[in-house]
PDB file of all heavy atoms in Angstrom:
ATOM      1  N   THR A   1      32.227  27.924 -27.350  1.00  0.00           N
ATOM      2  CA  THR A   1      33.365  26.971 -27.352  1.00  0.00           C
ATOM      3  C   THR A   1      34.664  27.675 -27.009  1.00  0.00           C
ATOM      4  O   THR A   1      35.038  28.683 -27.638  1.00  0.00           O
ATOM      5  CB  THR A   1      33.442  26.284 -28.714  1.00  0.00           C
ATOM      6  OG1 THR A   1      32.223  25.664 -29.043  1.00  0.00           O
ATOM      7  CG2 THR A   1      34.547  25.228 -28.692  1.00  0.00           C
ATOM      8  N   GLY A   2      35.300  27.195 -25.995  1.00  0.00           N
ATOM      9  CA  GLY A   2      36.542  27.832 -25.525  1.00  0.00           C
ATOM     10  C   GLY A   2      36.351  28.969 -24.615  1.00  0.00           C
ATOM     11  O   GLY A   2      37.335  29.514 -24.081  1.00  0.00           O
ATOM     12  N   ARG A   3      35.105  29.358 -24.316  1.00  0.00           N
ATOM     13  CA  ARG A   3      34.799  30.411 -23.343  1.00  0.00           C
ATOM     14  C   ARG A   3      34.295  29.834 -22.040  1.00  0.00           C
ATOM     15  O   ARG A   3      34.772  30.203 -20.987  1.00  0.00           O
ATOM     16  CB  ARG A   3      33.774  31.401 -23.945  1.00  0.00           C
ATOM     17  CG  ARG A   3      34.249  32.164 -25.134  1.00  0.00           C
ATOM     18  CD  ARG A   3      33.154  33.124 -25.651  1.00  0.00           C
ATOM     19  NE  ARG A   3      33.612  33.853 -26.845  1.00  0.00           N
ATOM     20  CZ  ARG A   3      34.271  35.038 -26.753  1.00  0.00           C
ATOM     21  NH1 ARG A   3      34.517  35.604 -25.619  1.00  0.00           N
ATOM     22  NH2 ARG A   3      34.644  35.643 -27.849  1.00  0.00           N
ATOM     23  N   THR A   4      33.278  28.961 -22.136  1.00  0.00           N
ATOM     24  CA  THR A   4      32.757  28.316 -20.912  1.00  0.00           C
ATOM     25  C   THR A   4      33.431  27.003 -20.682  1.00  0.00           C
ATOM     26  O   THR A   4      33.869  26.310 -21.619  1.00  0.00           O
ATOM     27  CB  THR A   4      31.217  28.086 -21.017  1.00  0.00           C
ATOM     28  OG1 THR A   4      30.973  27.346 -22.231  1.00  0.00           O
ATOM     29  CG2 THR A   4      30.506  29.408 -21.099  1.00  0.00           C
ATOM     30  N   GLU A   5      33.598  26.666 -19.385  1.00  0.00           N
ATOM     31  CA  GLU A   5      34.283  25.405 -19.032  1.00  0.00           C
ATOM     32  C   GLU A   5      33.310  24.386 -18.462  1.00  0.00           C
ATOM     33  O   GLU A   5      33.340  23.230 -18.830  1.00  0.00           O
ATOM     34  CB  GLU A   5      35.366  25.704 -17.982  1.00  0.00           C
ATOM     35  CG  GLU A   5      36.533  26.521 -18.539  1.00  0.00           C
ATOM     36  CD  GLU A   5      37.475  25.733 -19.417  1.00  0.00           C
ATOM     37  OE1 GLU A   5      37.355  24.471 -19.508  1.00  0.00           O
ATOM     38  OE2 GLU A   5      38.335  26.348 -20.079  1.00  0.00           O
ATOM     39  N   THR A   6      32.444  24.792 -17.547  1.00  0.00           N
ATOM     40  CA  THR A   6      31.462  23.919 -16.980  1.00  0.00           C
ATOM     41  C   THR A   6      30.415  24.775 -16.237  1.00  0.00           C
ATOM     42  O   THR A   6      30.433  25.980 -16.376  1.00  0.00           O
ATOM     43  CB  THR A   6      32.150  22.926 -15.970  1.00  0.00           C
ATOM     44  OG1 THR A   6      31.206  21.914 -15.589  1.00  0.00           O
ATOM     45  CG2 THR A   6      32.682  23.645 -14.712  1.00  0.00           C
ATOM     46  N   GLN A   7      29.554  24.094 -15.482  1.00  0.00           N
ATOM     47  CA  GLN A   7      28.564  24.845 -14.688  1.00  0.00           C
ATOM     48  C   GLN A   7      28.479  24.158 -13.310  1.00  0.00           C
ATOM     49  O   GLN A   7      28.843  23.007 -13.118  1.00  0.00           O
ATOM     50  CB  GLN A   7      27.168  24.785 -15.334  1.00  0.00           C
ATOM     51  CG  GLN A   7      27.093  25.659 -16.595  1.00  0.00           C
ATOM     52  CD  GLN A   7      25.685  25.554 -17.247  1.00  0.00           C
ATOM     53  OE1 GLN A   7      25.043  24.513 -17.216  1.00  0.00           O
ATOM     54  NE2 GLN A   7      25.271  26.647 -17.840  1.00  0.00           N
ATOM     55  N   ALA A   8      28.020  24.955 -12.334  1.00  0.00           N
ATOM     56  CA  ALA A   8      27.707  24.421 -10.972  1.00  0.00           C
ATOM     57  C   ALA A   8      26.318  24.866 -10.658  1.00  0.00           C
ATOM     58  O   ALA A   8      25.886  25.997 -11.044  1.00  0.00           O
ATOM     59  CB  ALA A   8      28.713  24.959  -9.938  1.00  0.00           C
ATOM     60  N   ILE A   9      25.576  24.033  -9.981  1.00  0.00           N
ATOM     61  CA  ILE A   9      24.162  24.350  -9.710  1.00  0.00           C
ATOM     62  C   ILE A   9      23.922  24.767  -8.266  1.00  0.00           C
ATOM     63  O   ILE A   9      24.812  24.603  -7.419  1.00  0.00           O
ATOM     64  CB  ILE A   9      23.249  23.178 -10.101  1.00  0.00           C
ATOM     65  CG1 ILE A   9      23.623  21.927  -9.345  1.00  0.00           C
ATOM     66  CG2 ILE A   9      23.313  22.909 -11.587  1.00  0.00           C
ATOM     67  CD1 ILE A   9      22.722  20.721  -9.593  1.00  0.00           C
ATOM     68  N   TYR A  10      22.763  25.254  -7.977  1.00  0.00           N
ATOM     69  CA  TYR A  10      22.382  25.772  -6.654  1.00  0.00           C
ATOM     70  C   TYR A  10      22.738  24.833  -5.564  1.00  0.00           C
ATOM     71  O   TYR A  10      22.408  23.642  -5.527  1.00  0.00           O
ATOM     72  CB  TYR A  10      20.833  26.022  -6.649  1.00  0.00           C
ATOM     73  CG  TYR A  10      20.359  26.756  -5.450  1.00  0.00           C
ATOM     74  CD1 TYR A  10      20.494  28.155  -5.374  1.00  0.00           C
ATOM     75  CD2 TYR A  10      19.728  26.104  -4.403  1.00  0.00           C
ATOM     76  CE1 TYR A  10      20.037  28.835  -4.248  1.00  0.00           C
ATOM     77  CE2 TYR A  10      19.268  26.781  -3.284  1.00  0.00           C
ATOM     78  CZ  TYR A  10      19.412  28.183  -3.251  1.00  0.00           C
ATOM     79  OH  TYR A  10      18.961  28.833  -2.130  1.00  0.00           O
ATOM     80  N   GLY A  11      23.538  25.329  -4.602  1.00  0.00           N
ATOM     81  CA  GLY A  11      23.970  24.520  -3.456  1.00  0.00           C
ATOM     82  C   GLY A  11      25.234  23.776  -3.619  1.00  0.00           C
ATOM     83  O   GLY A  11      25.750  23.222  -2.670  1.00  0.00           O
ATOM     84  N   ASP A  12      25.798  23.730  -4.860  1.00  0.00           N
ATOM     85  CA  ASP A  12      27.078  23.020  -5.041  1.00  0.00           C
ATOM     86  C   ASP A  12      28.188  23.728  -4.276  1.00  0.00           C
ATOM     87  O   ASP A  12      28.255  24.943  -4.222  1.00  0.00           O
ATOM     88  CB  ASP A  12      27.459  22.973  -6.549  1.00  0.00           C
ATOM     89  CG  ASP A  12      26.806  21.835  -7.281  1.00  0.00           C
ATOM     90  OD1 ASP A  12      26.158  20.973  -6.628  1.00  0.00           O
ATOM     91  OD2 ASP A  12      26.940  21.792  -8.539  1.00  0.00           O
ATOM     92  N   ALA A  13      29.086  22.916  -3.720  1.00  0.00           N
ATOM     93  CA  ALA A  13      30.256  23.413  -3.007  1.00  0.00           C
ATOM     94  C   ALA A  13      31.381  23.706  -3.998  1.00  0.00           C
ATOM     95  O   ALA A  13      31.611  22.922  -4.920  1.00  0.00           O
ATOM     96  CB  ALA A  13      30.692  22.442  -1.920  1.00  0.00           C
ATOM     97  N   VAL A  14      32.122  24.805  -3.775  1.00  0.00           N
ATOM     98  CA  VAL A  14      33.248  25.132  -4.591  1.00  0.00           C
ATOM     99  C   VAL A  14      34.393  25.581  -3.640  1.00  0.00           C
ATOM    100  O   VAL A  14      34.155  26.163  -2.610  1.00  0.00           O
ATOM    101  CB  VAL A  14      32.971  26.228  -5.643  1.00  0.00           C
ATOM    102  CG1 VAL A  14      31.903  25.799  -6.622  1.00  0.00           C
ATOM    103  CG2 VAL A  14      32.553  27.548  -4.975  1.00  0.00           C
ATOM    104  N   TYR A  15      35.606  25.313  -4.102  1.00  0.00           N
ATOM    105  CA  TYR A  15      36.819  25.757  -3.343  1.00  0.00           C
ATOM    106  C   TYR A  15      37.365  26.956  -4.081  1.00  0.00           C
ATOM    107  O   TYR A  15      37.666  26.910  -5.270  1.00  0.00           O
ATOM    108  CB  TYR A  15      37.810  24.669  -3.209  1.00  0.00           C
ATOM    109  CG  TYR A  15      39.082  25.093  -2.537  1.00  0.00           C
ATOM    110  CD1 TYR A  15      39.148  25.190  -1.175  1.00  0.00           C
ATOM    111  CD2 TYR A  15      40.196  25.487  -3.291  1.00  0.00           C
ATOM    112  CE1 TYR A  15      40.307  25.601  -0.532  1.00  0.00           C
ATOM    113  CE2 TYR A  15      41.365  25.899  -2.665  1.00  0.00           C
ATOM    114  CZ  TYR A  15      41.376  25.995  -1.294  1.00  0.00           C
ATOM    115  OH  TYR A  15      42.552  26.441  -0.673  1.00  0.00           O
ATOM    116  N   VAL A  16      37.526  28.068  -3.366  1.00  0.00           N
ATOM    117  CA  VAL A  16      38.025  29.293  -3.951  1.00  0.00           C
ATOM    118  C   VAL A  16      39.557  29.286  -3.912  1.00  0.00           C
ATOM    119  O   VAL A  16      40.186  29.323  -2.837  1.00  0.00           O
ATOM    120  CB  VAL A  16      37.544  30.552  -3.189  1.00  0.00           C
ATOM    121  CG1 VAL A  16      38.049  31.826  -3.853  1.00  0.00           C
ATOM    122  CG2 VAL A  16      35.993  30.563  -3.169  1.00  0.00           C
ATOM    123  N   SER A  17      40.188  29.228  -5.080  1.00  0.00           N
ATOM    124  CA  SER A  17      41.665  29.131  -5.146  1.00  0.00           C
ATOM    125  C   SER A  17      42.297  30.515  -5.479  1.00  0.00           C
ATOM    126  O   SER A  17      43.458  30.721  -5.271  1.00  0.00           O
ATOM    127  CB  SER A  17      42.096  28.131  -6.197  1.00  0.00           C
ATOM    128  OG  SER A  17      41.586  28.483  -7.479  1.00  0.00           O
ATOM    129  N   GLU A  18      41.478  31.436  -6.015  1.00  0.00           N
ATOM    130  CA  GLU A  18      42.004  32.765  -6.369  1.00  0.00           C
ATOM    131  C   GLU A  18      40.878  33.737  -6.456  1.00  0.00           C
ATOM    132  O   GLU A  18      39.746  33.366  -6.833  1.00  0.00           O
ATOM    133  CB  GLU A  18      42.779  32.660  -7.706  1.00  0.00           C
ATOM    134  CG  GLU A  18      43.449  33.920  -8.118  1.00  0.00           C
ATOM    135  CD  GLU A  18      44.199  33.763  -9.451  1.00  0.00           C
ATOM    136  OE1 GLU A  18      44.321  32.639  -9.959  1.00  0.00           O
ATOM    137  OE2 GLU A  18      44.625  34.837 -10.031  1.00  0.00           O
ATOM    138  N   VAL A  19      41.121  34.962  -6.114  1.00  0.00           N
ATOM    139  CA  VAL A  19      40.157  36.068  -6.251  1.00  0.00           C
ATOM    140  C   VAL A  19      40.774  37.202  -7.034  1.00  0.00           C
ATOM    141  O   VAL A  19      41.885  37.615  -6.765  1.00  0.00           O
ATOM    142  CB  VAL A  19      39.634  36.568  -4.861  1.00  0.00           C
ATOM    143  CG1 VAL A  19      38.799  37.832  -5.043  1.00  0.00           C
ATOM    144  CG2 VAL A  19      38.906  35.453  -4.148  1.00  0.00           C
ATOM    145  N   ARG A  20      40.058  37.680  -8.036  1.00  0.00           N
ATOM    146  CA  ARG A  20      40.518  38.806  -8.847  1.00  0.00           C
ATOM    147  C   ARG A  20      39.379  39.767  -9.108  1.00  0.00           C
ATOM    148  O   ARG A  20      38.447  39.434  -9.892  1.00  0.00           O
ATOM    149  CB  ARG A  20      41.089  38.294 -10.153  1.00  0.00           C
ATOM    150  CG  ARG A  20      41.757  39.332 -11.058  1.00  0.00           C
ATOM    151  CD  ARG A  20      42.111  38.756 -12.401  1.00  0.00           C
ATOM    152  NE  ARG A  20      42.982  37.584 -12.328  1.00  0.00           N
ATOM    153  CZ  ARG A  20      43.298  36.868 -13.380  1.00  0.00           C
ATOM    154  NH1 ARG A  20      42.809  37.187 -14.596  1.00  0.00           N
ATOM    155  NH2 ARG A  20      44.103  35.824 -13.229  1.00  0.00           N
ATOM    156  N   ASP A  21      39.401  40.892  -8.450  1.00  0.00           N
ATOM    157  CA  ASP A  21      38.333  41.868  -8.544  1.00  0.00           C
ATOM    158  C   ASP A  21      37.001  41.221  -8.203  1.00  0.00           C
ATOM    159  O   ASP A  21      36.821  40.724  -7.116  1.00  0.00           O
ATOM    160  CB  ASP A  21      38.323  42.520  -9.921  1.00  0.00           C
ATOM    161  CG  ASP A  21      39.638  43.266 -10.215  1.00  0.00           C
ATOM    162  OD1 ASP A  21      40.207  43.817  -9.289  1.00  0.00           O
ATOM    163  OD2 ASP A  21      40.079  43.230 -11.391  1.00  0.00           O
ATOM    164  N   ASP A  22      36.026  41.216  -9.141  1.00  0.00           N
ATOM    165  CA  ASP A  22      34.707  40.662  -8.882  1.00  0.00           C
ATOM    166  C   ASP A  22      34.582  39.168  -9.286  1.00  0.00           C
ATOM    167  O   ASP A  22      33.479  38.659  -9.378  1.00  0.00           O
ATOM    168  CB  ASP A  22      33.663  41.451  -9.644  1.00  0.00           C
ATOM    169  CG  ASP A  22      33.553  42.883  -9.151  1.00  0.00           C
ATOM    170  OD1 ASP A  22      33.791  43.114  -7.935  1.00  0.00           O
ATOM    171  OD2 ASP A  22      33.189  43.771  -9.941  1.00  0.00           O
ATOM    172  N   TRP A  23      35.700  38.557  -9.485  1.00  0.00           N
ATOM    173  CA  TRP A  23      35.703  37.156  -9.919  1.00  0.00           C
ATOM    174  C   TRP A  23      36.452  36.269  -8.973  1.00  0.00           C
ATOM    175  O   TRP A  23      37.363  36.708  -8.270  1.00  0.00           O
ATOM    176  CB  TRP A  23      36.344  37.044 -11.346  1.00  0.00           C
ATOM    177  CG  TRP A  23      35.505  37.653 -12.415  1.00  0.00           C
ATOM    178  CD1 TRP A  23      35.377  38.986 -12.736  1.00  0.00           C
ATOM    179  CD2 TRP A  23      34.635  36.932 -13.325  1.00  0.00           C
ATOM    180  NE1 TRP A  23      34.478  39.141 -13.778  1.00  0.00           N
ATOM    181  CE2 TRP A  23      34.041  37.899 -14.193  1.00  0.00           C
ATOM    182  CE3 TRP A  23      34.335  35.584 -13.551  1.00  0.00           C
ATOM    183  CZ2 TRP A  23      33.140  37.550 -15.208  1.00  0.00           C
ATOM    184  CZ3 TRP A  23      33.489  35.241 -14.538  1.00  0.00           C
ATOM    185  CH2 TRP A  23      32.884  36.215 -15.345  1.00  0.00           C
ATOM    186  N   ALA A  24      36.062  34.970  -8.991  1.00  0.00           N
ATOM    187  CA  ALA A  24      36.775  33.997  -8.197  1.00  0.00           C
ATOM    188  C   ALA A  24      37.061  32.765  -9.017  1.00  0.00           C
ATOM    189  O   ALA A  24      36.201  32.344  -9.819  1.00  0.00           O
ATOM    190  CB  ALA A  24      35.889  33.585  -6.973  1.00  0.00           C
ATOM    191  N   ARG A  25      38.243  32.264  -8.909  1.00  0.00           N
ATOM    192  CA  ARG A  25      38.593  31.015  -9.559  1.00  0.00           C
ATOM    193  C   ARG A  25      38.271  29.921  -8.565  1.00  0.00           C
ATOM    194  O   ARG A  25      38.744  29.923  -7.424  1.00  0.00           O
ATOM    195  CB  ARG A  25      40.053  30.941  -9.976  1.00  0.00           C
ATOM    196  CG  ARG A  25      40.416  29.655 -10.679  1.00  0.00           C
ATOM    197  CD  ARG A  25      41.831  29.683 -11.239  1.00  0.00           C
ATOM    198  NE  ARG A  25      42.253  28.408 -11.868  1.00  0.00           N
ATOM    199  CZ  ARG A  25      41.903  28.054 -13.122  1.00  0.00           C
ATOM    200  NH1 ARG A  25      41.198  28.901 -13.874  1.00  0.00           N
ATOM    201  NH2 ARG A  25      42.257  26.875 -13.587  1.00  0.00           N
ATOM    202  N   VAL A  26      37.501  28.955  -8.972  1.00  0.00           N
ATOM    203  CA  VAL A  26      36.965  27.913  -8.064  1.00  0.00           C
ATOM    204  C   VAL A  26      37.139  26.522  -8.669  1.00  0.00           C
ATOM    205  O   VAL A  26      37.205  26.349  -9.894  1.00  0.00           O
ATOM    206  CB  VAL A  26      35.493  28.164  -7.719  1.00  0.00           C
ATOM    207  CG1 VAL A  26      35.300  29.526  -7.093  1.00  0.00           C
ATOM    208  CG2 VAL A  26      34.581  28.015  -8.923  1.00  0.00           C
ATOM    209  N   GLY A  27      37.172  25.554  -7.789  1.00  0.00           N
ATOM    210  CA  GLY A  27      37.095  24.153  -8.174  1.00  0.00           C
ATOM    211  C   GLY A  27      35.725  23.641  -7.748  1.00  0.00           C
ATOM    212  O   GLY A  27      35.348  23.815  -6.570  1.00  0.00           O
ATOM    213  N   VAL A  28      35.033  22.983  -8.653  1.00  0.00           N
ATOM    214  CA  VAL A  28      33.696  22.445  -8.339  1.00  0.00           C
ATOM    215  C   VAL A  28      33.917  21.032  -7.746  1.00  0.00           C
ATOM    216  O   VAL A  28      34.261  20.117  -8.463  1.00  0.00           O
ATOM    217  CB  VAL A  28      32.809  22.362  -9.553  1.00  0.00           C
ATOM    218  CG1 VAL A  28      31.394  21.898  -9.181  1.00  0.00           C
ATOM    219  CG2 VAL A  28      32.737  23.728 -10.272  1.00  0.00           C
ATOM    220  N   THR A  29      33.716  20.929  -6.464  1.00  0.00           N
ATOM    221  CA  THR A  29      34.092  19.657  -5.768  1.00  0.00           C
ATOM    222  C   THR A  29      33.269  18.494  -6.147  1.00  0.00           C
ATOM    223  O   THR A  29      33.649  17.327  -5.934  1.00  0.00           O
ATOM    224  CB  THR A  29      33.994  19.896  -4.235  1.00  0.00           C
ATOM    225  OG1 THR A  29      32.653  20.263  -3.905  1.00  0.00           O
ATOM    226  CG2 THR A  29      34.953  20.990  -3.794  1.00  0.00           C
ATOM    227  N   THR A  30      32.075  18.759  -6.739  1.00  0.00           N
ATOM    228  CA  THR A  30      31.210  17.607  -7.192  1.00  0.00           C
ATOM    229  C   THR A  30      31.552  17.129  -8.598  1.00  0.00           C
ATOM    230  O   THR A  30      30.952  16.190  -9.077  1.00  0.00           O
ATOM    231  CB  THR A  30      29.752  18.047  -7.149  1.00  0.00           C
ATOM    232  OG1 THR A  30      29.571  19.245  -7.955  1.00  0.00           O
ATOM    233  CG2 THR A  30      29.291  18.304  -5.729  1.00  0.00           C
ATOM    234  N   GLU A  31      32.544  17.781  -9.288  1.00  0.00           N
ATOM    235  CA  GLU A  31      32.878  17.418 -10.636  1.00  0.00           C
ATOM    236  C   GLU A  31      34.288  16.936 -10.726  1.00  0.00           C
ATOM    237  O   GLU A  31      35.241  17.724 -10.876  1.00  0.00           O
ATOM    238  CB  GLU A  31      32.642  18.587 -11.590  1.00  0.00           C
ATOM    239  CG  GLU A  31      31.194  19.050 -11.660  1.00  0.00           C
ATOM    240  CD  GLU A  31      30.974  20.201 -12.665  1.00  0.00           C
ATOM    241  OE1 GLU A  31      31.915  20.542 -13.327  1.00  0.00           O
ATOM    242  OE2 GLU A  31      29.837  20.683 -12.703  1.00  0.00           O
ATOM    243  N   PRO A  32      34.562  15.617 -10.625  1.00  0.00           N
ATOM    244  CA  PRO A  32      35.887  15.095 -10.625  1.00  0.00           C
ATOM    245  C   PRO A  32      36.614  15.394 -11.942  1.00  0.00           C
ATOM    246  O   PRO A  32      36.037  15.309 -13.018  1.00  0.00           O
ATOM    247  CB  PRO A  32      35.706  13.596 -10.423  1.00  0.00           C
ATOM    248  CG  PRO A  32      34.311  13.466  -9.868  1.00  0.00           C
ATOM    249  CD  PRO A  32      33.546  14.582 -10.434  1.00  0.00           C
ATOM    250  N   ALA A  33      37.907  15.701 -11.819  1.00  0.00           N
ATOM    251  CA  ALA A  33      38.735  15.922 -12.988  1.00  0.00           C
ATOM    252  C   ALA A  33      40.125  15.432 -12.700  1.00  0.00           C
ATOM    253  O   ALA A  33      40.659  15.622 -11.552  1.00  0.00           O
ATOM    254  CB  ALA A  33      38.776  17.395 -13.338  1.00  0.00           C
TER     255      ALA A  33
END
């Protein structure tokens, strides 16, 4: 709780908004918010 936000499954499209070292901040386009 408070660590994970959501999940994306195999083949889901994501938009990369930021990259930091080995991590990427993404928006999961199939999950409206």
